[in-house]
Amino acid sequence: MYIRVKRNKTTYFIQCDPTETTLNIKQKLHSLIDQPPSNQRLILLSTNDVLDDSKTLANQKVENDAIVALTLRKELLVAPAPNSPMVSLHKPGN
């Protein structure tokens, strides 16, 4: 079987087996989009359910030619630790 994974205006056709887990699909996508599986979220559009990494496609009712949306987590900016010294940068001549 295959599923269609959509992100923005791009569609990826992923060949898969109903016994594969969502994590397996994310690993296949990783080689295509250069985003680790931990940053990916797959949503089955027919039900709007977020797919569980540990469950198989069959268990989540993902069928042949299903359309799945791909969303990516935003990278989090790390705030400075409390009590860390503040650093100011100045350009020469200012």
C-alpha atoms as a PDB file:
ATOM      1  CA  MET A   1       0.000   0.000   0.000  1.00  0.00           C
ATOM      2  CA  TYR A   2       1.007   3.630  -0.101  1.00  0.00           C
ATOM      3  CA  ILE A   3       0.007   6.791   1.725  1.00  0.00           C
ATOM      4  CA  ARG A   4       0.169  10.418   0.668  1.00  0.00           C
ATOM      5  CA  VAL A   5       1.961  12.642   3.158  1.00  0.00           C
ATOM      6  CA  LYS A   6       1.273  16.341   2.582  1.00  0.00           C
ATOM      7  CA  ARG A   7       3.227  19.315   3.879  1.00  0.00           C
ATOM      8  CA  ASN A   8       2.510  22.786   2.519  1.00  0.00           C
ATOM      9  CA  LYS A   9       2.398  22.339  -1.275  1.00  0.00           C
ATOM     10  CA  THR A  10       4.464  19.150  -1.344  1.00  0.00           C
ATOM     11  CA  THR A  11       3.129  15.597  -1.383  1.00  0.00           C
ATOM     12  CA  TYR A  12       5.301  12.582  -0.575  1.00  0.00           C
ATOM     13  CA  PHE A  13       4.110   9.173  -1.749  1.00  0.00           C
ATOM     14  CA  ILE A  14       5.315   6.658   0.845  1.00  0.00           C
ATOM     15  CA  GLN A  15       5.180   2.939   0.137  1.00  0.00           C
ATOM     16  CA  CYS A  16       4.395   1.083   3.336  1.00  0.00           C
ATOM     17  CA  ASP A  17       2.793  -1.953   4.877  1.00  0.00           C
ATOM     18  CA  PRO A  18      -0.230  -1.905   7.224  1.00  0.00           C
ATOM     19  CA  THR A  19       1.909  -3.619   9.890  1.00  0.00           C
ATOM     20  CA  GLU A  20       4.438  -0.757   9.967  1.00  0.00           C
ATOM     21  CA  THR A  21       4.342   1.677  12.856  1.00  0.00           C
ATOM     22  CA  THR A  22       3.972   5.413  12.543  1.00  0.00           C
ATOM     23  CA  LEU A  23       7.582   5.693  13.733  1.00  0.00           C
ATOM     24  CA  ASN A  24       8.685   3.612  10.708  1.00  0.00           C
ATOM     25  CA  ILE A  25       6.913   6.078   8.421  1.00  0.00           C
ATOM     26  CA  LYS A  26       8.568   9.018  10.180  1.00  0.00           C
ATOM     27  CA  GLN A  27      11.958   7.359   9.663  1.00  0.00           C
ATOM     28  CA  LYS A  28      11.227   7.054   5.937  1.00  0.00           C
ATOM     29  CA  LEU A  29      10.264  10.738   5.865  1.00  0.00           C
ATOM     30  CA  HIS A  30      13.447  11.651   7.727  1.00  0.00           C
ATOM     31  CA  SER A  31      15.513  10.602   4.712  1.00  0.00           C
ATOM     32  CA  LEU A  32      13.375  12.842   2.477  1.00  0.00           C
ATOM     33  CA  ILE A  33      12.910  15.978   4.565  1.00  0.00           C
ATOM     34  CA  ASP A  34      15.942  16.039   6.870  1.00  0.00           C
ATOM     35  CA  GLN A  35      13.798  16.368   9.999  1.00  0.00           C
ATOM     36  CA  PRO A  36      14.184  13.812  12.791  1.00  0.00           C
ATOM     37  CA  PRO A  37      11.132  11.693  13.668  1.00  0.00           C
ATOM     38  CA  SER A  38      10.906  13.446  17.043  1.00  0.00           C
ATOM     39  CA  ASN A  39      10.141  16.733  15.221  1.00  0.00           C
ATOM     40  CA  GLN A  40       7.421  15.222  13.029  1.00  0.00           C
ATOM     41  CA  ARG A  41       3.718  14.879  13.726  1.00  0.00           C
ATOM     42  CA  LEU A  42       1.481  12.912  11.361  1.00  0.00           C
ATOM     43  CA  ILE A  43      -2.267  13.546  11.283  1.00  0.00           C
ATOM     44  CA  LEU A  44      -4.728  11.299   9.455  1.00  0.00           C
ATOM     45  CA  LEU A  45      -6.889  13.824   7.609  1.00  0.00           C
ATOM     46  CA  SER A  46      -9.994  11.634   7.352  1.00  0.00           C
ATOM     47  CA  THR A  47     -10.327  11.596  11.160  1.00  0.00           C
ATOM     48  CA  ASN A  48      -7.985  14.436  12.262  1.00  0.00           C
ATOM     49  CA  ASP A  49      -6.318  11.931  14.613  1.00  0.00           C
ATOM     50  CA  VAL A  50      -2.647  12.394  15.475  1.00  0.00           C
ATOM     51  CA  LEU A  51      -0.937   9.100  14.679  1.00  0.00           C
ATOM     52  CA  ASP A  52       0.745   7.325  17.591  1.00  0.00           C
ATOM     53  CA  ASP A  53       4.397   6.390  16.974  1.00  0.00           C
ATOM     54  CA  SER A  54       4.088   2.987  18.618  1.00  0.00           C
ATOM     55  CA  LYS A  55       0.914   1.833  16.841  1.00  0.00           C
ATOM     56  CA  THR A  56       0.689   0.215  13.418  1.00  0.00           C
ATOM     57  CA  LEU A  57      -1.004   1.904  10.505  1.00  0.00           C
ATOM     58  CA  ALA A  58      -3.683  -0.820  10.499  1.00  0.00           C
ATOM     59  CA  ASN A  59      -4.427  -0.248  14.202  1.00  0.00           C
ATOM     60  CA  GLN A  60      -5.027   3.425  13.457  1.00  0.00           C
ATOM     61  CA  LYS A  61      -7.235   2.730  10.427  1.00  0.00           C
ATOM     62  CA  VAL A  62      -4.744   4.148   7.915  1.00  0.00           C
ATOM     63  CA  GLU A  63      -5.715   2.591   4.597  1.00  0.00           C
ATOM     64  CA  ASN A  64      -4.229   2.471   1.105  1.00  0.00           C
ATOM     65  CA  ASP A  65      -4.084   5.935  -0.496  1.00  0.00           C
ATOM     66  CA  ALA A  66      -4.784   7.656   2.834  1.00  0.00           C
ATOM     67  CA  ILE A  67      -3.868  11.330   3.069  1.00  0.00           C
ATOM     68  CA  VAL A  68      -1.744  12.214   6.069  1.00  0.00           C
ATOM     69  CA  ALA A  69      -0.712  15.743   7.038  1.00  0.00           C
ATOM     70  CA  LEU A  70       2.826  16.361   8.241  1.00  0.00           C
ATOM     71  CA  THR A  71       3.516  19.097  10.765  1.00  0.00           C
ATOM     72  CA  LEU A  72       6.897  19.931  12.246  1.00  0.00           C
ATOM     73  CA  ARG A  73       7.748  21.106  15.736  1.00  0.00           C
ATOM     74  CA  LYS A  74       9.287  24.531  15.963  1.00  0.00           C
ATOM     75  CA  GLU A  75      12.760  24.672  17.393  1.00  0.00           C
ATOM     76  CA  LEU A  76      12.695  26.067  20.893  1.00  0.00           C
ATOM     77  CA  LEU A  77      14.990  28.907  21.807  1.00  0.00           C
ATOM     78  CA  VAL A  78      16.860  28.235  25.010  1.00  0.00           C
ATOM     79  CA  ALA A  79      16.579  31.054  27.516  1.00  0.00           C
ATOM     80  CA  PRO A  80      19.687  31.985  29.495  1.00  0.00           C
ATOM     81  CA  ALA A  81      19.997  30.352  32.868  1.00  0.00           C
ATOM     82  CA  PRO A  82      19.025  32.486  35.869  1.00  0.00           C
ATOM     83  CA  ASN A  83      21.946  34.439  37.337  1.00  0.00           C
ATOM     84  CA  SER A  84      23.952  34.097  34.095  1.00  0.00           C
ATOM     85  CA  PRO A  85      25.935  37.220  33.195  1.00  0.00           C
ATOM     86  CA  MET A  86      24.525  39.413  30.447  1.00  0.00           C
ATOM     87  CA  VAL A  87      26.793  39.984  27.474  1.00  0.00           C
ATOM     88  CA  SER A  88      26.584  43.063  25.266  1.00  0.00           C
ATOM     89  CA  LEU A  89      28.018  43.084  21.766  1.00  0.00           C
ATOM     90  CA  HIS A  90      29.206  46.338  20.227  1.00  0.00           C
ATOM     91  CA  LYS A  91      30.349  47.009  16.684  1.00  0.00           C
ATOM     92  CA  PRO A  92      33.704  48.770  16.366  1.00  0.00           C
ATOM     93  CA  GLY A  93      33.236  52.509  15.936  1.00  0.00           C
ATOM     94  CA  ASN A  94      30.009  52.673  17.943  1.00  0.00           C
END
